[in-house]
Amino acid sequence: MNYWLMKSEPDVFSFDDLKSRPQQSEPWDGVRNYQARNFMRDEMKVGDLILFYHSNTNPAGVAGVAEVASEPYPDPTAFDKKSKYYDPKSAPENPRWILVDVKYHADLKRLVSLQEMKEAPALKEMVVLQRGNRLSITPVTRKEFNIICELGS
């Protein structure tokens, strides 16, 4: 099993939005970074656990736990000319962008803030905390995942 941190701006799509969806599941669309896409395409497996991170908010931090709920498949927003994620260089027969479905897994009792994560010595190597890292999807070790879940309980 792999562990991930996936960022979303809560005013665009929040952890509560995920919980309120039918089957508590949603396609993770709109990823337009090749490294993040490659994580979804090449490394994510159904059942992998996700730290659902609220970004660009105050405070930013991990709001809950989700899981990968599908194999990767082409992101349909890349083909939709009306979508803000439209990519004219992506075609259904040769998709440039893919996604996975994510599903609600568990609540945390409280948000684990970015500041709190930065202050935890055991998380100092966590990818999302490294200077200059702006990826919306990053791998997380099992130890890091467990520490954050403990902090949130």
N, C-alpha and C. Protein backbone atom coordinates (compact mmCIF):
# COMPACT_ATOMS: atom_id res chain seq x y z
N MET A 1 0.84 -1.18 0.00
CA MET A 1 0.00 0.00 0.00
C MET A 1 0.88 1.24 0.00
N ASN A 2 0.44 2.23 -0.78
CA ASN A 2 1.11 3.53 -0.81
C ASN A 2 0.27 4.54 -0.04
N TYR A 3 0.92 5.63 0.32
CA TYR A 3 0.27 6.73 1.03
C TYR A 3 0.57 8.02 0.28
N TRP A 4 -0.41 8.92 0.27
CA TRP A 4 -0.32 10.14 -0.53
C TRP A 4 -0.85 11.33 0.24
N LEU A 5 -0.43 12.51 -0.16
CA LEU A 5 -1.05 13.74 0.27
C LEU A 5 -1.55 14.41 -1.00
N MET A 6 -2.84 14.76 -1.02
CA MET A 6 -3.44 15.41 -2.18
C MET A 6 -4.05 16.73 -1.73
N LYS A 7 -3.67 17.80 -2.42
CA LYS A 7 -4.10 19.14 -2.06
C LYS A 7 -5.33 19.57 -2.86
N SER A 8 -6.21 20.27 -2.18
CA SER A 8 -7.35 20.90 -2.83
C SER A 8 -7.68 22.18 -2.08
N GLU A 9 -8.04 23.21 -2.81
CA GLU A 9 -8.49 24.43 -2.16
C GLU A 9 -9.92 24.19 -1.68
N PRO A 10 -10.20 24.40 -0.40
CA PRO A 10 -11.53 24.05 0.12
C PRO A 10 -12.67 24.85 -0.49
N ASP A 11 -12.40 26.03 -1.03
CA ASP A 11 -13.48 26.78 -1.68
C ASP A 11 -13.77 26.23 -3.08
N VAL A 12 -12.89 25.37 -3.60
CA VAL A 12 -13.10 24.70 -4.89
C VAL A 12 -13.67 23.30 -4.66
N PHE A 13 -13.01 22.52 -3.81
CA PHE A 13 -13.48 21.18 -3.46
C PHE A 13 -12.88 20.80 -2.12
N SER A 14 -13.72 20.66 -1.11
CA SER A 14 -13.25 20.40 0.25
C SER A 14 -13.45 18.94 0.65
N PHE A 15 -12.89 18.60 1.78
CA PHE A 15 -13.09 17.27 2.34
C PHE A 15 -14.58 17.03 2.63
N ASP A 16 -15.26 18.05 3.13
CA ASP A 16 -16.71 17.93 3.36
C ASP A 16 -17.46 17.74 2.06
N ASP A 17 -16.99 18.38 0.97
CA ASP A 17 -17.62 18.15 -0.35
C ASP A 17 -17.50 16.68 -0.73
N LEU A 18 -16.33 16.10 -0.51
CA LEU A 18 -16.13 14.68 -0.83
C LEU A 18 -17.11 13.82 -0.03
N LYS A 19 -17.24 14.10 1.25
CA LYS A 19 -18.14 13.32 2.10
C LYS A 19 -19.60 13.44 1.66
N SER A 20 -19.96 14.56 1.05
CA SER A 20 -21.36 14.78 0.66
C SER A 20 -21.70 14.24 -0.73
N ARG A 21 -20.71 13.77 -1.47
CA ARG A 21 -20.96 13.26 -2.82
C ARG A 21 -21.65 11.89 -2.76
N PRO A 22 -22.41 11.55 -3.82
CA PRO A 22 -22.97 10.19 -3.88
C PRO A 22 -21.83 9.17 -3.77
N GLN A 23 -22.03 8.16 -2.99
CA GLN A 23 -21.01 7.14 -2.69
C GLN A 23 -19.74 7.73 -2.08
N GLN A 24 -19.80 8.99 -1.67
CA GLN A 24 -18.67 9.70 -1.07
C GLN A 24 -17.41 9.55 -1.91
N SER A 25 -17.58 9.67 -3.22
CA SER A 25 -16.49 9.46 -4.18
C SER A 25 -16.55 10.55 -5.25
N GLU A 26 -15.36 10.90 -5.79
CA GLU A 26 -15.30 11.95 -6.80
C GLU A 26 -14.05 11.75 -7.66
N PRO A 27 -14.13 12.00 -8.97
CA PRO A 27 -12.92 12.00 -9.80
C PRO A 27 -12.00 13.16 -9.39
N TRP A 28 -10.71 12.88 -9.28
CA TRP A 28 -9.73 13.92 -8.93
C TRP A 28 -9.23 14.55 -10.23
N ASP A 29 -10.06 15.41 -10.80
CA ASP A 29 -9.77 15.96 -12.13
C ASP A 29 -8.98 17.26 -12.06
N GLY A 30 -8.54 17.70 -13.21
CA GLY A 30 -7.88 18.99 -13.34
C GLY A 30 -6.41 19.02 -13.02
N VAL A 31 -5.79 17.89 -12.74
CA VAL A 31 -4.35 17.88 -12.46
C VAL A 31 -3.62 18.15 -13.78
N ARG A 32 -2.82 19.21 -13.81
CA ARG A 32 -2.10 19.59 -15.02
C ARG A 32 -0.61 19.77 -14.75
N ASN A 33 -0.07 18.91 -13.94
CA ASN A 33 1.35 18.84 -13.67
C ASN A 33 1.79 17.41 -13.99
N TYR A 34 2.83 17.28 -14.80
CA TYR A 34 3.24 15.95 -15.26
C TYR A 34 3.68 15.03 -14.13
N GLN A 35 4.39 15.56 -13.14
CA GLN A 35 4.85 14.69 -12.05
C GLN A 35 3.66 14.20 -11.22
N ALA A 36 2.72 15.09 -10.92
CA ALA A 36 1.53 14.68 -10.18
C ALA A 36 0.72 13.67 -11.01
N ARG A 37 0.59 13.93 -12.30
CA ARG A 37 -0.11 12.98 -13.18
C ARG A 37 0.56 11.62 -13.15
N ASN A 38 1.88 11.61 -13.21
CA ASN A 38 2.61 10.35 -13.21
C ASN A 38 2.41 9.57 -11.91
N PHE A 39 2.30 10.28 -10.79
CA PHE A 39 2.00 9.58 -9.53
C PHE A 39 0.66 8.85 -9.67
N MET A 40 -0.35 9.54 -10.20
CA MET A 40 -1.67 8.91 -10.36
C MET A 40 -1.61 7.76 -11.36
N ARG A 41 -0.97 8.00 -12.48
CA ARG A 41 -0.95 7.03 -13.57
C ARG A 41 -0.11 5.80 -13.25
N ASP A 42 1.05 6.00 -12.63
CA ASP A 42 2.03 4.93 -12.50
C ASP A 42 2.13 4.30 -11.12
N GLU A 43 1.73 5.03 -10.09
CA GLU A 43 2.01 4.54 -8.74
C GLU A 43 0.78 4.33 -7.86
N MET A 44 -0.29 5.08 -8.10
CA MET A 44 -1.47 4.93 -7.25
C MET A 44 -2.20 3.63 -7.55
N LYS A 45 -2.63 2.99 -6.47
CA LYS A 45 -3.38 1.74 -6.57
C LYS A 45 -4.66 1.87 -5.75
N VAL A 46 -5.69 1.17 -6.18
CA VAL A 46 -6.95 1.16 -5.44
C VAL A 46 -6.66 0.73 -4.00
N GLY A 47 -7.19 1.50 -3.05
CA GLY A 47 -6.98 1.21 -1.64
C GLY A 47 -5.87 2.01 -0.99
N ASP A 48 -5.00 2.65 -1.79
CA ASP A 48 -3.99 3.53 -1.21
C ASP A 48 -4.69 4.61 -0.40
N LEU A 49 -4.08 5.01 0.71
CA LEU A 49 -4.68 6.02 1.57
C LEU A 49 -4.11 7.40 1.28
N ILE A 50 -4.97 8.41 1.46
CA ILE A 50 -4.67 9.79 1.07
C ILE A 50 -4.92 10.72 2.25
N LEU A 51 -3.96 11.58 2.53
CA LEU A 51 -4.18 12.69 3.43
C LEU A 51 -4.79 13.82 2.59
N PHE A 52 -6.02 14.18 2.86
CA PHE A 52 -6.74 15.20 2.10
C PHE A 52 -6.38 16.55 2.71
N TYR A 53 -5.62 17.35 1.95
CA TYR A 53 -5.01 18.57 2.45
C TYR A 53 -5.73 19.79 1.88
N HIS A 54 -6.16 20.69 2.75
CA HIS A 54 -6.76 21.95 2.32
C HIS A 54 -5.64 22.98 2.14
N SER A 55 -5.48 23.46 0.91
CA SER A 55 -4.43 24.43 0.60
C SER A 55 -5.04 25.81 0.34
N ASN A 56 -4.18 26.81 0.30
CA ASN A 56 -4.59 28.18 -0.02
C ASN A 56 -5.73 28.65 0.88
N THR A 57 -5.62 28.34 2.14
CA THR A 57 -6.61 28.74 3.14
C THR A 57 -5.88 28.95 4.45
N ASN A 58 -6.54 29.55 5.42
CA ASN A 58 -5.90 29.80 6.70
C ASN A 58 -6.75 29.22 7.82
N PRO A 59 -6.29 28.19 8.52
CA PRO A 59 -5.00 27.55 8.29
C PRO A 59 -5.10 26.45 7.23
N ALA A 60 -4.01 26.27 6.52
CA ALA A 60 -3.88 25.14 5.61
C ALA A 60 -3.55 23.90 6.43
N GLY A 61 -3.95 22.73 5.94
CA GLY A 61 -3.59 21.52 6.65
C GLY A 61 -4.40 20.31 6.22
N VAL A 62 -4.13 19.20 6.87
CA VAL A 62 -4.80 17.93 6.56
C VAL A 62 -6.16 17.92 7.25
N ALA A 63 -7.22 17.75 6.43
CA ALA A 63 -8.59 17.82 6.92
C ALA A 63 -9.21 16.45 7.16
N GLY A 64 -8.68 15.41 6.51
CA GLY A 64 -9.26 14.08 6.65
C GLY A 64 -8.50 13.07 5.83
N VAL A 65 -9.04 11.85 5.80
CA VAL A 65 -8.40 10.75 5.10
C VAL A 65 -9.35 10.25 4.00
N ALA A 66 -8.79 10.08 2.82
CA ALA A 66 -9.52 9.52 1.68
C ALA A 66 -8.75 8.30 1.21
N GLU A 67 -9.27 7.67 0.16
CA GLU A 67 -8.56 6.54 -0.42
C GLU A 67 -8.72 6.56 -1.93
N VAL A 68 -7.78 5.94 -2.61
CA VAL A 68 -7.87 5.80 -4.07
C VAL A 68 -8.95 4.75 -4.34
N ALA A 69 -9.92 5.14 -5.18
CA ALA A 69 -11.10 4.29 -5.39
C ALA A 69 -11.22 3.74 -6.80
N SER A 70 -10.26 4.06 -7.68
CA SER A 70 -10.33 3.54 -9.05
C SER A 70 -8.93 3.41 -9.62
N GLU A 71 -8.86 2.63 -10.68
CA GLU A 71 -7.64 2.62 -11.48
C GLU A 71 -7.58 3.96 -12.23
N PRO A 72 -6.41 4.39 -12.69
CA PRO A 72 -6.34 5.63 -13.45
C PRO A 72 -7.09 5.53 -14.78
N TYR A 73 -7.68 6.65 -15.20
CA TYR A 73 -8.35 6.71 -16.50
C TYR A 73 -8.28 8.14 -17.03
N PRO A 74 -8.51 8.33 -18.34
CA PRO A 74 -8.37 9.67 -18.92
C PRO A 74 -9.27 10.70 -18.23
N ASP A 75 -8.73 11.88 -18.01
CA ASP A 75 -9.47 12.98 -17.41
C ASP A 75 -10.36 13.62 -18.47
N PRO A 76 -11.69 13.45 -18.37
CA PRO A 76 -12.58 13.98 -19.40
C PRO A 76 -12.59 15.50 -19.50
N THR A 77 -12.16 16.20 -18.44
CA THR A 77 -12.15 17.67 -18.52
C THR A 77 -11.12 18.16 -19.54
N ALA A 78 -10.13 17.34 -19.85
CA ALA A 78 -9.11 17.73 -20.84
C ALA A 78 -9.70 17.81 -22.24
N PHE A 79 -10.81 17.11 -22.49
CA PHE A 79 -11.43 17.07 -23.82
C PHE A 79 -12.61 18.04 -23.95
N ASP A 80 -13.02 18.64 -22.85
CA ASP A 80 -14.21 19.49 -22.81
C ASP A 80 -13.82 20.95 -23.04
N LYS A 81 -14.16 21.48 -24.21
CA LYS A 81 -13.78 22.85 -24.56
C LYS A 81 -14.35 23.89 -23.60
N LYS A 82 -15.38 23.55 -22.86
CA LYS A 82 -15.99 24.49 -21.91
C LYS A 82 -15.33 24.42 -20.53
N SER A 83 -14.47 23.45 -20.32
CA SER A 83 -13.83 23.27 -19.02
C SER A 83 -12.59 24.16 -18.90
N LYS A 84 -12.35 24.66 -17.70
CA LYS A 84 -11.12 25.43 -17.48
C LYS A 84 -9.88 24.53 -17.55
N TYR A 85 -10.08 23.22 -17.55
CA TYR A 85 -8.98 22.27 -17.64
C TYR A 85 -8.80 21.72 -19.06
N TYR A 86 -9.50 22.29 -20.02
CA TYR A 86 -9.40 21.83 -21.41
C TYR A 86 -7.96 21.93 -21.90
N ASP A 87 -7.53 20.90 -22.63
CA ASP A 87 -6.19 20.88 -23.23
C ASP A 87 -6.34 20.45 -24.68
N PRO A 88 -6.17 21.36 -25.62
CA PRO A 88 -6.36 21.01 -27.04
C PRO A 88 -5.36 19.96 -27.54
N LYS A 89 -4.28 19.73 -26.80
CA LYS A 89 -3.29 18.73 -27.22
C LYS A 89 -3.60 17.34 -26.68
N SER A 90 -4.67 17.22 -25.91
CA SER A 90 -5.08 15.94 -25.35
C SER A 90 -6.29 15.44 -26.12
N ALA A 91 -6.26 14.18 -26.50
CA ALA A 91 -7.37 13.59 -27.26
C ALA A 91 -7.76 12.25 -26.63
N PRO A 92 -9.03 11.86 -26.74
CA PRO A 92 -9.44 10.59 -26.14
C PRO A 92 -8.60 9.39 -26.60
N GLU A 93 -8.16 9.41 -27.86
CA GLU A 93 -7.35 8.29 -28.35
C GLU A 93 -5.89 8.39 -27.91
N ASN A 94 -5.50 9.56 -27.42
CA ASN A 94 -4.13 9.76 -26.92
C ASN A 94 -4.19 10.77 -25.77
N PRO A 95 -4.73 10.35 -24.62
CA PRO A 95 -4.92 11.29 -23.52
C PRO A 95 -3.61 11.73 -22.88
N ARG A 96 -3.51 13.00 -22.62
CA ARG A 96 -2.34 13.56 -21.95
C ARG A 96 -2.53 13.55 -20.43
N TRP A 97 -3.78 13.70 -19.99
CA TRP A 97 -4.08 13.84 -18.58
C TRP A 97 -4.98 12.73 -18.10
N ILE A 98 -4.69 12.23 -16.92
CA ILE A 98 -5.49 11.15 -16.34
C ILE A 98 -5.90 11.55 -14.92
N LEU A 99 -6.74 10.71 -14.34
CA LEU A 99 -7.19 10.94 -12.97
C LEU A 99 -7.48 9.61 -12.30
N VAL A 100 -7.70 9.67 -11.02
CA VAL A 100 -8.23 8.54 -10.26
C VAL A 100 -9.43 9.07 -9.48
N ASP A 101 -10.33 8.19 -9.13
CA ASP A 101 -11.41 8.55 -8.23
C ASP A 101 -10.88 8.45 -6.81
N VAL A 102 -11.30 9.39 -5.96
CA VAL A 102 -10.97 9.34 -4.54
C VAL A 102 -12.26 9.19 -3.76
N LYS A 103 -12.16 8.52 -2.63
CA LYS A 103 -13.34 8.21 -1.82
C LYS A 103 -13.05 8.55 -0.36
N TYR A 104 -14.06 9.07 0.31
CA TYR A 104 -13.96 9.33 1.75
C TYR A 104 -13.56 8.04 2.46
N HIS A 105 -12.66 8.19 3.42
CA HIS A 105 -12.23 7.03 4.22
C HIS A 105 -12.49 7.26 5.71
N ALA A 106 -12.02 8.39 6.25
CA ALA A 106 -12.18 8.64 7.69
C ALA A 106 -12.02 10.12 8.01
N ASP A 107 -12.72 10.53 9.05
CA ASP A 107 -12.55 11.88 9.57
C ASP A 107 -11.34 11.93 10.49
N LEU A 108 -10.76 13.09 10.61
CA LEU A 108 -9.86 13.39 11.71
C LEU A 108 -10.69 14.21 12.70
N LYS A 109 -10.36 14.13 13.96
CA LYS A 109 -11.11 14.91 14.95
C LYS A 109 -10.86 16.40 14.78
N ARG A 110 -9.69 16.72 14.22
CA ARG A 110 -9.36 18.14 14.00
C ARG A 110 -8.38 18.25 12.84
N LEU A 111 -8.36 19.41 12.23
CA LEU A 111 -7.42 19.70 11.16
C LEU A 111 -6.00 19.71 11.72
N VAL A 112 -5.07 19.09 11.00
CA VAL A 112 -3.65 19.14 11.36
C VAL A 112 -3.03 20.21 10.48
N SER A 113 -2.70 21.33 11.09
CA SER A 113 -2.25 22.50 10.32
C SER A 113 -0.86 22.32 9.75
N LEU A 114 -0.60 23.07 8.70
CA LEU A 114 0.73 23.08 8.09
C LEU A 114 1.77 23.48 9.13
N GLN A 115 1.46 24.47 9.94
CA GLN A 115 2.41 24.91 10.97
C GLN A 115 2.72 23.78 11.95
N GLU A 116 1.69 23.06 12.35
CA GLU A 116 1.88 21.93 13.27
C GLU A 116 2.75 20.85 12.62
N MET A 117 2.53 20.61 11.35
CA MET A 117 3.33 19.62 10.63
C MET A 117 4.79 20.07 10.58
N LYS A 118 5.02 21.36 10.32
CA LYS A 118 6.38 21.88 10.26
C LYS A 118 7.09 21.79 11.60
N GLU A 119 6.33 21.87 12.68
CA GLU A 119 6.91 21.84 14.02
C GLU A 119 7.16 20.43 14.54
N ALA A 120 6.66 19.41 13.84
CA ALA A 120 6.85 18.02 14.28
C ALA A 120 8.19 17.49 13.76
N PRO A 121 9.17 17.25 14.63
CA PRO A 121 10.48 16.79 14.17
C PRO A 121 10.43 15.53 13.31
N ALA A 122 9.51 14.63 13.60
CA ALA A 122 9.43 13.38 12.85
C ALA A 122 8.93 13.58 11.42
N LEU A 123 8.42 14.78 11.11
CA LEU A 123 7.91 15.05 9.76
C LEU A 123 8.86 15.92 8.94
N LYS A 124 10.05 16.20 9.45
CA LYS A 124 10.94 17.16 8.79
C LYS A 124 11.32 16.76 7.36
N GLU A 125 11.27 15.47 7.02
CA GLU A 125 11.63 15.01 5.68
C GLU A 125 10.41 14.90 4.76
N MET A 126 9.23 15.17 5.27
CA MET A 126 8.01 15.02 4.48
C MET A 126 8.08 15.90 3.23
N VAL A 127 7.77 15.32 2.07
CA VAL A 127 7.93 16.01 0.78
C VAL A 127 7.19 17.34 0.75
N VAL A 128 5.97 17.37 1.23
CA VAL A 128 5.17 18.60 1.15
C VAL A 128 5.78 19.73 1.97
N LEU A 129 6.63 19.41 2.93
CA LEU A 129 7.24 20.43 3.78
C LEU A 129 8.57 20.93 3.25
N GLN A 130 9.03 20.36 2.15
CA GLN A 130 10.32 20.77 1.60
C GLN A 130 10.19 22.10 0.87
N ARG A 131 11.18 22.93 1.04
CA ARG A 131 11.19 24.26 0.43
C ARG A 131 11.00 24.16 -1.09
N GLY A 132 10.11 24.98 -1.62
CA GLY A 132 9.88 25.03 -3.06
C GLY A 132 8.93 23.98 -3.60
N ASN A 133 8.47 23.06 -2.75
CA ASN A 133 7.56 22.02 -3.24
C ASN A 133 6.16 22.59 -3.36
N ARG A 134 5.61 22.55 -4.57
CA ARG A 134 4.27 23.07 -4.81
C ARG A 134 3.37 22.03 -5.48
N LEU A 135 3.82 20.79 -5.51
CA LEU A 135 3.01 19.75 -6.15
C LEU A 135 1.70 19.53 -5.41
N SER A 136 0.66 19.25 -6.18
CA SER A 136 -0.66 19.01 -5.57
C SER A 136 -0.81 17.57 -5.09
N ILE A 137 0.09 16.70 -5.51
CA ILE A 137 0.08 15.30 -5.07
C ILE A 137 1.52 14.92 -4.73
N THR A 138 1.70 14.42 -3.50
CA THR A 138 3.04 13.98 -3.11
C THR A 138 2.95 12.66 -2.35
N PRO A 139 3.98 11.85 -2.48
CA PRO A 139 4.01 10.61 -1.69
C PRO A 139 4.26 10.92 -0.21
N VAL A 140 3.77 10.05 0.64
CA VAL A 140 3.91 10.16 2.08
C VAL A 140 4.35 8.78 2.57
N THR A 141 5.24 8.74 3.53
CA THR A 141 5.62 7.45 4.10
C THR A 141 4.52 6.97 5.06
N ARG A 142 4.53 5.69 5.33
CA ARG A 142 3.56 5.15 6.30
C ARG A 142 3.72 5.81 7.66
N LYS A 143 4.98 6.03 8.06
CA LYS A 143 5.26 6.68 9.34
C LYS A 143 4.68 8.09 9.37
N GLU A 144 4.90 8.87 8.30
CA GLU A 144 4.36 10.23 8.23
C GLU A 144 2.84 10.21 8.27
N PHE A 145 2.25 9.29 7.52
CA PHE A 145 0.79 9.15 7.50
C PHE A 145 0.27 8.89 8.91
N ASN A 146 0.88 7.95 9.61
CA ASN A 146 0.44 7.59 10.96
C ASN A 146 0.60 8.74 11.94
N ILE A 147 1.70 9.47 11.83
CA ILE A 147 1.93 10.61 12.74
C ILE A 147 0.84 11.66 12.53
N ILE A 148 0.52 11.98 11.29
CA ILE A 148 -0.50 12.99 11.03
C ILE A 148 -1.86 12.51 11.53
N CYS A 149 -2.18 11.26 11.31
CA CYS A 149 -3.45 10.73 11.82
C CYS A 149 -3.50 10.82 13.36
N GLU A 150 -2.37 10.54 14.01
CA GLU A 150 -2.31 10.66 15.47
C GLU A 150 -2.49 12.11 15.91
N LEU A 151 -1.85 13.03 15.21
CA LEU A 151 -1.98 14.45 15.55
C LEU A 151 -3.44 14.91 15.38
N GLY A 152 -4.14 14.35 14.43
CA GLY A 152 -5.51 14.74 14.16
C GLY A 152 -6.55 14.05 15.03
N SER A 153 -6.10 13.10 15.87
CA SER A 153 -7.08 12.35 16.69
C SER A 153 -7.20 12.92 18.09
